[in-house]
Amino acid sequence: GGGLVQPGGSLRLSCAASGSIFTSYEMG
């Protein structure tokens, strides 16, 4: 989701995990 954007613009980054992290991981 990264890229070049003008000041004031918006971007949405995504992070996909291969394993199961829904119970025991904090993410950041």
mmCIF file of all heavy atoms, coordinates in Angstrom:
data_MODEL
# 
_entry.id   MODEL 
# 
loop_
_atom_site.group_PDB 
_atom_site.id 
_atom_site.type_symbol 
_atom_site.label_atom_id 
_atom_site.label_alt_id 
_atom_site.label_comp_id 
_atom_site.label_asym_id 
_atom_site.label_entity_id 
_atom_site.label_seq_id 
_atom_site.pdbx_PDB_ins_code 
_atom_site.Cartn_x 
_atom_site.Cartn_y 
_atom_site.Cartn_z 
_atom_site.occupancy 
_atom_site.B_iso_or_equiv 
_atom_site.pdbx_formal_charge 
_atom_site.auth_seq_id 
_atom_site.auth_comp_id 
_atom_site.auth_asym_id 
_atom_site.auth_atom_id 
_atom_site.pdbx_PDB_model_num 
ATOM 1   N N   . GLY A 1 1  ? 0.771  -1.229  0.000  1.00 0.00 ? 1  GLY A N   1 
ATOM 2   C CA  . GLY A 1 1  ? 0.000  0.000   0.000  1.00 0.00 ? 1  GLY A CA  1 
ATOM 3   C C   . GLY A 1 1  ? 0.804  1.282   0.000  1.00 0.00 ? 1  GLY A C   1 
ATOM 4   O O   . GLY A 1 1  ? 0.226  2.369   -0.103 1.00 0.00 ? 1  GLY A O   1 
ATOM 5   N N   . GLY A 1 2  ? 2.120  1.190   0.115  1.00 0.00 ? 2  GLY A N   1 
ATOM 6   C CA  . GLY A 1 2  ? 2.941  2.382   0.096  1.00 0.00 ? 2  GLY A CA  1 
ATOM 7   C C   . GLY A 1 2  ? 3.024  2.989   -1.282 1.00 0.00 ? 2  GLY A C   1 
ATOM 8   O O   . GLY A 1 2  ? 2.600  2.403   -2.276 1.00 0.00 ? 2  GLY A O   1 
ATOM 9   N N   . GLY A 1 3  ? 3.578  4.201   -1.349 1.00 0.00 ? 3  GLY A N   1 
ATOM 10  C CA  . GLY A 1 3  ? 3.716  4.878   -2.618 1.00 0.00 ? 3  GLY A CA  1 
ATOM 11  C C   . GLY A 1 3  ? 3.985  6.346   -2.447 1.00 0.00 ? 3  GLY A C   1 
ATOM 12  O O   . GLY A 1 3  ? 4.314  6.822   -1.362 1.00 0.00 ? 3  GLY A O   1 
ATOM 13  N N   . LEU A 1 4  ? 3.839  7.084   -3.536 1.00 0.00 ? 4  LEU A N   1 
ATOM 14  C CA  . LEU A 1 4  ? 4.052  8.525   -3.566 1.00 0.00 ? 4  LEU A CA  1 
ATOM 15  C C   . LEU A 1 4  ? 2.712  9.235   -3.484 1.00 0.00 ? 4  LEU A C   1 
ATOM 16  O O   . LEU A 1 4  ? 1.782  8.927   -4.239 1.00 0.00 ? 4  LEU A O   1 
ATOM 17  C CB  . LEU A 1 4  ? 4.776  8.926   -4.853 1.00 0.00 ? 4  LEU A CB  1 
ATOM 18  C CG  . LEU A 1 4  ? 4.984  10.420  -5.101 1.00 0.00 ? 4  LEU A CG  1 
ATOM 19  C CD1 . LEU A 1 4  ? 5.897  11.015  -4.030 1.00 0.00 ? 4  LEU A CD1 1 
ATOM 20  C CD2 . LEU A 1 4  ? 5.564  10.642  -6.486 1.00 0.00 ? 4  LEU A CD2 1 
ATOM 21  N N   . VAL A 1 5  ? 2.618  10.191  -2.569 1.00 0.00 ? 5  VAL A N   1 
ATOM 22  C CA  . VAL A 1 5  ? 1.382  10.931  -2.381 1.00 0.00 ? 5  VAL A CA  1 
ATOM 23  C C   . VAL A 1 5  ? 1.709  12.394  -2.097 1.00 0.00 ? 5  VAL A C   1 
ATOM 24  O O   . VAL A 1 5  ? 2.764  12.706  -1.533 1.00 0.00 ? 5  VAL A O   1 
ATOM 25  C CB  . VAL A 1 5  ? 0.544  10.315  -1.235 1.00 0.00 ? 5  VAL A CB  1 
ATOM 26  C CG1 . VAL A 1 5  ? 1.265  10.449  0.095  1.00 0.00 ? 5  VAL A CG1 1 
ATOM 27  C CG2 . VAL A 1 5  ? -0.842 10.936  -1.170 1.00 0.00 ? 5  VAL A CG2 1 
ATOM 28  N N   . GLN A 1 6  ? 0.819  13.292  -2.482 1.00 0.00 ? 6  GLN A N   1 
ATOM 29  C CA  . GLN A 1 6  ? 1.014  14.714  -2.233 1.00 0.00 ? 6  GLN A CA  1 
ATOM 30  C C   . GLN A 1 6  ? 0.653  15.077  -0.801 1.00 0.00 ? 6  GLN A C   1 
ATOM 31  O O   . GLN A 1 6  ? -0.146 14.385  -0.162 1.00 0.00 ? 6  GLN A O   1 
ATOM 32  C CB  . GLN A 1 6  ? 0.167  15.542  -3.200 1.00 0.00 ? 6  GLN A CB  1 
ATOM 33  C CG  . GLN A 1 6  ? 0.576  15.421  -4.654 1.00 0.00 ? 6  GLN A CG  1 
ATOM 34  C CD  . GLN A 1 6  ? -0.248 16.297  -5.566 1.00 0.00 ? 6  GLN A CD  1 
ATOM 35  O OE1 . GLN A 1 6  ? -1.341 16.732  -5.211 1.00 0.00 ? 6  GLN A OE1 1 
ATOM 36  N NE2 . GLN A 1 6  ? 0.270  16.566  -6.752 1.00 0.00 ? 6  GLN A NE2 1 
ATOM 37  N N   . PRO A 1 7  ? 1.235  16.145  -0.262 1.00 0.00 ? 7  PRO A N   1 
ATOM 38  C CA  . PRO A 1 7  ? 0.848  16.588  1.077  1.00 0.00 ? 7  PRO A CA  1 
ATOM 39  C C   . PRO A 1 7  ? -0.655 16.796  1.174  1.00 0.00 ? 7  PRO A C   1 
ATOM 40  O O   . PRO A 1 7  ? -1.280 17.354  0.270  1.00 0.00 ? 7  PRO A O   1 
ATOM 41  C CB  . PRO A 1 7  ? 1.605  17.902  1.248  1.00 0.00 ? 7  PRO A CB  1 
ATOM 42  C CG  . PRO A 1 7  ? 2.793  17.760  0.363  1.00 0.00 ? 7  PRO A CG  1 
ATOM 43  C CD  . PRO A 1 7  ? 2.313  16.967  -0.824 1.00 0.00 ? 7  PRO A CD  1 
ATOM 44  N N   . GLY A 1 8  ? -1.232 16.339  2.283  1.00 0.00 ? 8  GLY A N   1 
ATOM 45  C CA  . GLY A 1 8  ? -2.672 16.400  2.472  1.00 0.00 ? 8  GLY A CA  1 
ATOM 46  C C   . GLY A 1 8  ? -3.413 15.195  1.957  1.00 0.00 ? 8  GLY A C   1 
ATOM 47  O O   . GLY A 1 8  ? -4.616 15.047  2.221  1.00 0.00 ? 8  GLY A O   1 
ATOM 48  N N   . GLY A 1 9  ? -2.727 14.321  1.240  1.00 0.00 ? 9  GLY A N   1 
ATOM 49  C CA  . GLY A 1 9  ? -3.352 13.137  0.687  1.00 0.00 ? 9  GLY A CA  1 
ATOM 50  C C   . GLY A 1 9  ? -3.442 12.006  1.685  1.00 0.00 ? 9  GLY A C   1 
ATOM 51  O O   . GLY A 1 9  ? -3.084 12.147  2.857  1.00 0.00 ? 9  GLY A O   1 
ATOM 52  N N   . SER A 1 10 ? -3.911 10.856  1.200  1.00 0.00 ? 10 SER A N   1 
ATOM 53  C CA  . SER A 1 10 ? -4.137 9.695   2.052  1.00 0.00 ? 10 SER A CA  1 
ATOM 54  C C   . SER A 1 10 ? -3.566 8.430   1.431  1.00 0.00 ? 10 SER A C   1 
ATOM 55  O O   . SER A 1 10 ? -3.471 8.307   0.204  1.00 0.00 ? 10 SER A O   1 
ATOM 56  C CB  . SER A 1 10 ? -5.640 9.486   2.292  1.00 0.00 ? 10 SER A CB  1 
ATOM 57  O OG  . SER A 1 10 ? -6.221 10.587  2.963  1.00 0.00 ? 10 SER A OG  1 
ATOM 58  N N   . LEU A 1 11 ? -3.186 7.498   2.292  1.00 0.00 ? 11 LEU A N   1 
ATOM 59  C CA  . LEU A 1 11 ? -2.764 6.161   1.897  1.00 0.00 ? 11 LEU A CA  1 
ATOM 60  C C   . LEU A 1 11 ? -3.283 5.173   2.917  1.00 0.00 ? 11 LEU A C   1 
ATOM 61  O O   . LEU A 1 11 ? -3.467 5.519   4.085  1.00 0.00 ? 11 LEU A O   1 
ATOM 62  C CB  . LEU A 1 11 ? -1.243 6.041   1.808  1.00 0.00 ? 11 LEU A CB  1 
ATOM 63  C CG  . LEU A 1 11 ? -0.523 6.637   0.606  1.00 0.00 ? 11 LEU A CG  1 
ATOM 64  C CD1 . LEU A 1 11 ? 0.985  6.531   0.817  1.00 0.00 ? 11 LEU A CD1 1 
ATOM 65  C CD2 . LEU A 1 11 ? -0.933 5.943   -0.677 1.00 0.00 ? 11 LEU A CD2 1 
ATOM 66  N N   . ARG A 1 12 ? -3.491 3.937   2.476  1.00 0.00 ? 12 ARG A N   1 
ATOM 67  C CA  . ARG A 1 12 ? -3.902 2.860   3.367  1.00 0.00 ? 12 ARG A CA  1 
ATOM 68  C C   . ARG A 1 12 ? -2.905 1.719   3.232  1.00 0.00 ? 12 ARG A C   1 
ATOM 69  O O   . ARG A 1 12 ? -2.794 1.110   2.166  1.00 0.00 ? 12 ARG A O   1 
ATOM 70  C CB  . ARG A 1 12 ? -5.308 2.376   3.035  1.00 0.00 ? 12 ARG A CB  1 
ATOM 71  C CG  . ARG A 1 12 ? -5.844 1.283   3.974  1.00 0.00 ? 12 ARG A CG  1 
ATOM 72  C CD  . ARG A 1 12 ? -7.263 0.906   3.604  1.00 0.00 ? 12 ARG A CD  1 
ATOM 73  N NE  . ARG A 1 12 ? -7.803 -0.189  4.399  1.00 0.00 ? 12 ARG A NE  1 
ATOM 74  C CZ  . ARG A 1 12 ? -8.393 -0.060  5.581  1.00 0.00 ? 12 ARG A CZ  1 
ATOM 75  N NH1 . ARG A 1 12 ? -8.513 1.153   6.124  1.00 0.00 ? 12 ARG A NH1 1 
ATOM 76  N NH2 . ARG A 1 12 ? -8.865 -1.119  6.226  1.00 0.00 ? 12 ARG A NH2 1 
ATOM 77  N N   . LEU A 1 13 ? -2.185 1.437   4.307  1.00 0.00 ? 13 LEU A N   1 
ATOM 78  C CA  . LEU A 1 13 ? -1.223 0.355   4.330  1.00 0.00 ? 13 LEU A CA  1 
ATOM 79  C C   . LEU A 1 13 ? -1.870 -0.915  4.872  1.00 0.00 ? 13 LEU A C   1 
ATOM 80  O O   . LEU A 1 13 ? -2.725 -0.861  5.753  1.00 0.00 ? 13 LEU A O   1 
ATOM 81  C CB  . LEU A 1 13 ? -0.013 0.703   5.194  1.00 0.00 ? 13 LEU A CB  1 
ATOM 82  C CG  . LEU A 1 13 ? 0.730  1.999   4.864  1.00 0.00 ? 13 LEU A CG  1 
ATOM 83  C CD1 . LEU A 1 13 ? 1.945  2.140   5.776  1.00 0.00 ? 13 LEU A CD1 1 
ATOM 84  C CD2 . LEU A 1 13 ? 1.136  2.035   3.401  1.00 0.00 ? 13 LEU A CD2 1 
ATOM 85  N N   . SER A 1 14 ? -1.436 -2.059  4.347  1.00 0.00 ? 14 SER A N   1 
ATOM 86  C CA  . SER A 1 14 ? -1.907 -3.347  4.821  1.00 0.00 ? 14 SER A CA  1 
ATOM 87  C C   . SER A 1 14 ? -0.726 -4.213  5.216  1.00 0.00 ? 14 SER A C   1 
ATOM 88  O O   . SER A 1 14 ? 0.360  -4.095  4.650  1.00 0.00 ? 14 SER A O   1 
ATOM 89  C CB  . SER A 1 14 ? -2.721 -4.064  3.735  1.00 0.00 ? 14 SER A CB  1 
ATOM 90  O OG  . SER A 1 14 ? -3.872 -3.328  3.389  1.00 0.00 ? 14 SER A OG  1 
ATOM 91  N N   . CYS A 1 15 ? -0.948 -5.083  6.187  1.00 0.00 ? 15 CYS A N   1 
ATOM 92  C CA  . CYS A 1 15 ? 0.054  -6.046  6.624  1.00 0.00 ? 15 CYS A CA  1 
ATOM 93  C C   . CYS A 1 15 ? -0.624 -7.394  6.768  1.00 0.00 ? 15 CYS A C   1 
ATOM 94  O O   . CYS A 1 15 ? -1.502 -7.562  7.623  1.00 0.00 ? 15 CYS A O   1 
ATOM 95  C CB  . CYS A 1 15 ? 0.687  -5.620  7.944  1.00 0.00 ? 15 CYS A CB  1 
ATOM 96  S SG  . CYS A 1 15 ? 1.789  -6.840  8.679  1.00 0.00 ? 15 CYS A SG  1 
ATOM 97  N N   . ALA A 1 16 ? -0.226 -8.347  5.945  1.00 0.00 ? 16 ALA A N   1 
ATOM 98  C CA  . ALA A 1 16 ? -0.794 -9.686  5.975  1.00 0.00 ? 16 ALA A CA  1 
ATOM 99  C C   . ALA A 1 16 ? 0.168  -10.647 6.668  1.00 0.00 ? 16 ALA A C   1 
ATOM 100 O O   . ALA A 1 16 ? 1.344  -10.709 6.317  1.00 0.00 ? 16 ALA A O   1 
ATOM 101 C CB  . ALA A 1 16 ? -1.093 -10.169 4.561  1.00 0.00 ? 16 ALA A CB  1 
ATOM 102 N N   . ALA A 1 17 ? -0.335 -11.404 7.635  1.00 0.00 ? 17 ALA A N   1 
ATOM 103 C CA  . ALA A 1 17 ? 0.464  -12.375 8.378  1.00 0.00 ? 17 ALA A CA  1 
ATOM 104 C C   . ALA A 1 17 ? 0.191  -13.778 7.865  1.00 0.00 ? 17 ALA A C   1 
ATOM 105 O O   . ALA A 1 17 ? -0.965 -14.143 7.626  1.00 0.00 ? 17 ALA A O   1 
ATOM 106 C CB  . ALA A 1 17 ? 0.160  -12.292 9.868  1.00 0.00 ? 17 ALA A CB  1 
ATOM 107 N N   . SER A 1 18 ? 1.256  -14.576 7.724  1.00 0.00 ? 18 SER A N   1 
ATOM 108 C CA  . SER A 1 18 ? 1.108  -15.927 7.186  1.00 0.00 ? 18 SER A CA  1 
ATOM 109 C C   . SER A 1 18 ? 0.503  -16.896 8.185  1.00 0.00 ? 18 SER A C   1 
ATOM 110 O O   . SER A 1 18 ? -0.259 -17.783 7.816  1.00 0.00 ? 18 SER A O   1 
ATOM 111 C CB  . SER A 1 18 ? 2.465  -16.452 6.712  1.00 0.00 ? 18 SER A CB  1 
ATOM 112 O OG  . SER A 1 18 ? 3.374  -16.551 7.795  1.00 0.00 ? 18 SER A OG  1 
ATOM 113 N N   . GLY A 1 19 ? 0.865  -16.762 9.449  1.00 0.00 ? 19 GLY A N   1 
ATOM 114 C CA  . GLY A 1 19 ? 0.376  -17.644 10.484 1.00 0.00 ? 19 GLY A CA  1 
ATOM 115 C C   . GLY A 1 19 ? -0.751 -17.031 11.282 1.00 0.00 ? 19 GLY A C   1 
ATOM 116 O O   . GLY A 1 19 ? -1.148 -15.884 11.060 1.00 0.00 ? 19 GLY A O   1 
ATOM 117 N N   . SER A 1 20 ? -1.257 -17.802 12.228 1.00 0.00 ? 20 SER A N   1 
ATOM 118 C CA  . SER A 1 20 ? -2.346 -17.336 13.080 1.00 0.00 ? 20 SER A CA  1 
ATOM 119 C C   . SER A 1 20 ? -1.803 -16.410 14.163 1.00 0.00 ? 20 SER A C   1 
ATOM 120 O O   . SER A 1 20 ? -1.000 -16.822 14.999 1.00 0.00 ? 20 SER A O   1 
ATOM 121 C CB  . SER A 1 20 ? -3.059 -18.526 13.714 1.00 0.00 ? 20 SER A CB  1 
ATOM 122 O OG  . SER A 1 20 ? -4.104 -18.098 14.564 1.00 0.00 ? 20 SER A OG  1 
ATOM 123 N N   . ILE A 1 21 ? -2.255 -15.165 14.147 1.00 0.00 ? 21 ILE A N   1 
ATOM 124 C CA  . ILE A 1 21 ? -1.801 -14.186 15.129 1.00 0.00 ? 21 ILE A CA  1 
ATOM 125 C C   . ILE A 1 21 ? -2.961 -13.495 15.834 1.00 0.00 ? 21 ILE A C   1 
ATOM 126 O O   . ILE A 1 21 ? -2.766 -12.527 16.563 1.00 0.00 ? 21 ILE A O   1 
ATOM 127 C CB  . ILE A 1 21 ? -0.868 -13.133 14.469 1.00 0.00 ? 21 ILE A CB  1 
ATOM 128 C CG1 . ILE A 1 21 ? -1.482 -12.560 13.199 1.00 0.00 ? 21 ILE A CG1 1 
ATOM 129 C CG2 . ILE A 1 21 ? 0.479  -13.776 14.150 1.00 0.00 ? 21 ILE A CG2 1 
ATOM 130 C CD1 . ILE A 1 21 ? -2.370 -11.383 13.403 1.00 0.00 ? 21 ILE A CD1 1 
ATOM 131 N N   . PHE A 1 22 ? -4.166 -14.016 15.618 1.00 0.00 ? 22 PHE A N   1 
ATOM 132 C CA  . PHE A 1 22 ? -5.343 -13.306 16.108 1.00 0.00 ? 22 PHE A CA  1 
ATOM 133 C C   . PHE A 1 22 ? -5.517 -13.399 17.617 1.00 0.00 ? 22 PHE A C   1 
ATOM 134 O O   . PHE A 1 22 ? -6.253 -12.594 18.198 1.00 0.00 ? 22 PHE A O   1 
ATOM 135 C CB  . PHE A 1 22 ? -6.609 -13.812 15.398 1.00 0.00 ? 22 PHE A CB  1 
ATOM 136 C CG  . PHE A 1 22 ? -6.957 -15.247 15.664 1.00 0.00 ? 22 PHE A CG  1 
ATOM 137 C CD1 . PHE A 1 22 ? -7.788 -15.592 16.719 1.00 0.00 ? 22 PHE A CD1 1 
ATOM 138 C CD2 . PHE A 1 22 ? -6.472 -16.259 14.854 1.00 0.00 ? 22 PHE A CD2 1 
ATOM 139 C CE1 . PHE A 1 22 ? -8.113 -16.909 16.976 1.00 0.00 ? 22 PHE A CE1 1 
ATOM 140 C CE2 . PHE A 1 22 ? -6.793 -17.587 15.092 1.00 0.00 ? 22 PHE A CE2 1 
ATOM 141 C CZ  . PHE A 1 22 ? -7.616 -17.907 16.159 1.00 0.00 ? 22 PHE A CZ  1 
ATOM 142 N N   . THR A 1 23 ? -4.848 -14.344 18.291 1.00 0.00 ? 23 THR A N   1 
ATOM 143 C CA  . THR A 1 23 ? -5.043 -14.521 19.723 1.00 0.00 ? 23 THR A CA  1 
ATOM 144 C C   . THR A 1 23 ? -3.884 -14.026 20.580 1.00 0.00 ? 23 THR A C   1 
ATOM 145 O O   . THR A 1 23 ? -4.110 -13.419 21.632 1.00 0.00 ? 23 THR A O   1 
ATOM 146 C CB  . THR A 1 23 ? -5.294 -15.996 20.072 1.00 0.00 ? 23 THR A CB  1 
ATOM 147 O OG1 . THR A 1 23 ? -4.208 -16.797 19.599 1.00 0.00 ? 23 THR A OG1 1 
ATOM 148 C CG2 . THR A 1 23 ? -6.608 -16.474 19.465 1.00 0.00 ? 23 THR A CG2 1 
ATOM 149 N N   . SER A 1 24 ? -2.641 -14.265 20.165 1.00 0.00 ? 24 SER A N   1 
ATOM 150 C CA  . SER A 1 24 ? -1.500 -14.125 21.052 1.00 0.00 ? 24 SER A CA  1 
ATOM 151 C C   . SER A 1 24 ? -0.477 -13.066 20.643 1.00 0.00 ? 24 SER A C   1 
ATOM 152 O O   . SER A 1 24 ? 0.608  -13.016 21.221 1.00 0.00 ? 24 SER A O   1 
ATOM 153 C CB  . SER A 1 24 ? -0.789 -15.465 21.206 1.00 0.00 ? 24 SER A CB  1 
ATOM 154 O OG  . SER A 1 24 ? -0.415 -15.990 19.954 1.00 0.00 ? 24 SER A OG  1 
ATOM 155 N N   . TYR A 1 25 ? -0.787 -12.230 19.685 1.00 0.00 ? 25 TYR A N   1 
ATOM 156 C CA  . TYR A 1 25 ? 0.163  -11.224 19.217 1.00 0.00 ? 25 TYR A CA  1 
ATOM 157 C C   . TYR A 1 25 ? -0.410 -9.821  19.297 1.00 0.00 ? 25 TYR A C   1 
ATOM 158 O O   . TYR A 1 25 ? -1.571 -9.582  18.958 1.00 0.00 ? 25 TYR A O   1 
ATOM 159 C CB  . TYR A 1 25 ? 0.573  -11.486 17.763 1.00 0.00 ? 25 TYR A CB  1 
ATOM 160 C CG  . TYR A 1 25 ? 1.540  -12.629 17.593 1.00 0.00 ? 25 TYR A CG  1 
ATOM 161 C CD1 . TYR A 1 25 ? 1.080  -13.932 17.452 1.00 0.00 ? 25 TYR A CD1 1 
ATOM 162 C CD2 . TYR A 1 25 ? 2.912  -12.403 17.565 1.00 0.00 ? 25 TYR A CD2 1 
ATOM 163 C CE1 . TYR A 1 25 ? 1.960  -14.981 17.299 1.00 0.00 ? 25 TYR A CE1 1 
ATOM 164 C CE2 . TYR A 1 25 ? 3.801  -13.450 17.406 1.00 0.00 ? 25 TYR A CE2 1 
ATOM 165 C CZ  . TYR A 1 25 ? 3.323  -14.735 17.270 1.00 0.00 ? 25 TYR A CZ  1 
ATOM 166 O OH  . TYR A 1 25 ? 4.200  -15.776 17.108 1.00 0.00 ? 25 TYR A OH  1 
ATOM 167 N N   . GLU A 1 26 ? 0.433  -8.905  19.767 1.00 0.00 ? 26 GLU A N   1 
ATOM 168 C CA  . GLU A 1 26 ? 0.169  -7.488  19.599 1.00 0.00 ? 26 GLU A CA  1 
ATOM 169 C C   . GLU A 1 26 ? 0.838  -7.057  18.305 1.00 0.00 ? 26 GLU A C   1 
ATOM 170 O O   . GLU A 1 26 ? 1.946  -7.483  17.999 1.00 0.00 ? 26 GLU A O   1 
ATOM 171 C CB  . GLU A 1 26 ? 0.727  -6.685  20.771 1.00 0.00 ? 26 GLU A CB  1 
ATOM 172 C CG  . GLU A 1 26 ? 0.500  -5.190  20.637 1.00 0.00 ? 26 GLU A CG  1 
ATOM 173 C CD  . GLU A 1 26 ? 1.096  -4.406  21.786 1.00 0.00 ? 26 GLU A CD  1 
ATOM 174 O OE1 . GLU A 1 26 ? 2.304  -4.093  21.722 1.00 0.00 ? 26 GLU A OE1 1 
ATOM 175 O OE2 . GLU A 1 26 ? 0.357  -4.119  22.749 1.00 0.00 ? 26 GLU A OE2 1 
ATOM 176 N N   . MET A 1 27 ? 0.190  -6.205  17.546 1.00 0.00 ? 27 MET A N   1 
ATOM 177 C CA  . MET A 1 27 ? 0.732  -5.769  16.272 1.00 0.00 ? 27 MET A CA  1 
ATOM 178 C C   . MET A 1 27 ? 0.913  -4.259  16.245 1.00 0.00 ? 27 MET A C   1 
ATOM 179 O O   . MET A 1 27 ? 0.244  -3.527  16.982 1.00 0.00 ? 27 MET A O   1 
ATOM 180 C CB  . MET A 1 27 ? -0.163 -6.209  15.113 1.00 0.00 ? 27 MET A CB  1 
ATOM 181 C CG  . MET A 1 27 ? -0.349 -7.720  15.059 1.00 0.00 ? 27 MET A CG  1 
ATOM 182 S SD  . MET A 1 27 ? -1.108 -8.305  13.530 1.00 0.00 ? 27 MET A SD  1 
ATOM 183 C CE  . MET A 1 27 ? 0.243  -8.040  12.371 1.00 0.00 ? 27 MET A CE  1 
ATOM 184 N N   . GLY A 1 28 ? 1.824  -3.805  15.389 1.00 0.00 ? 28 GLY A N   1 
ATOM 185 C CA  . GLY A 1 28 ? 2.081  -2.381  15.312 1.00 0.00 ? 28 GLY A CA  1 
ATOM 186 C C   . GLY A 1 28 ? 2.728  -1.970  14.013 1.00 0.00 ? 28 GLY A C   1 
ATOM 187 O O   . GLY A 1 28 ? 3.205  -2.803  13.233 1.00 0.00 ? 28 GLY A O   1 
# 
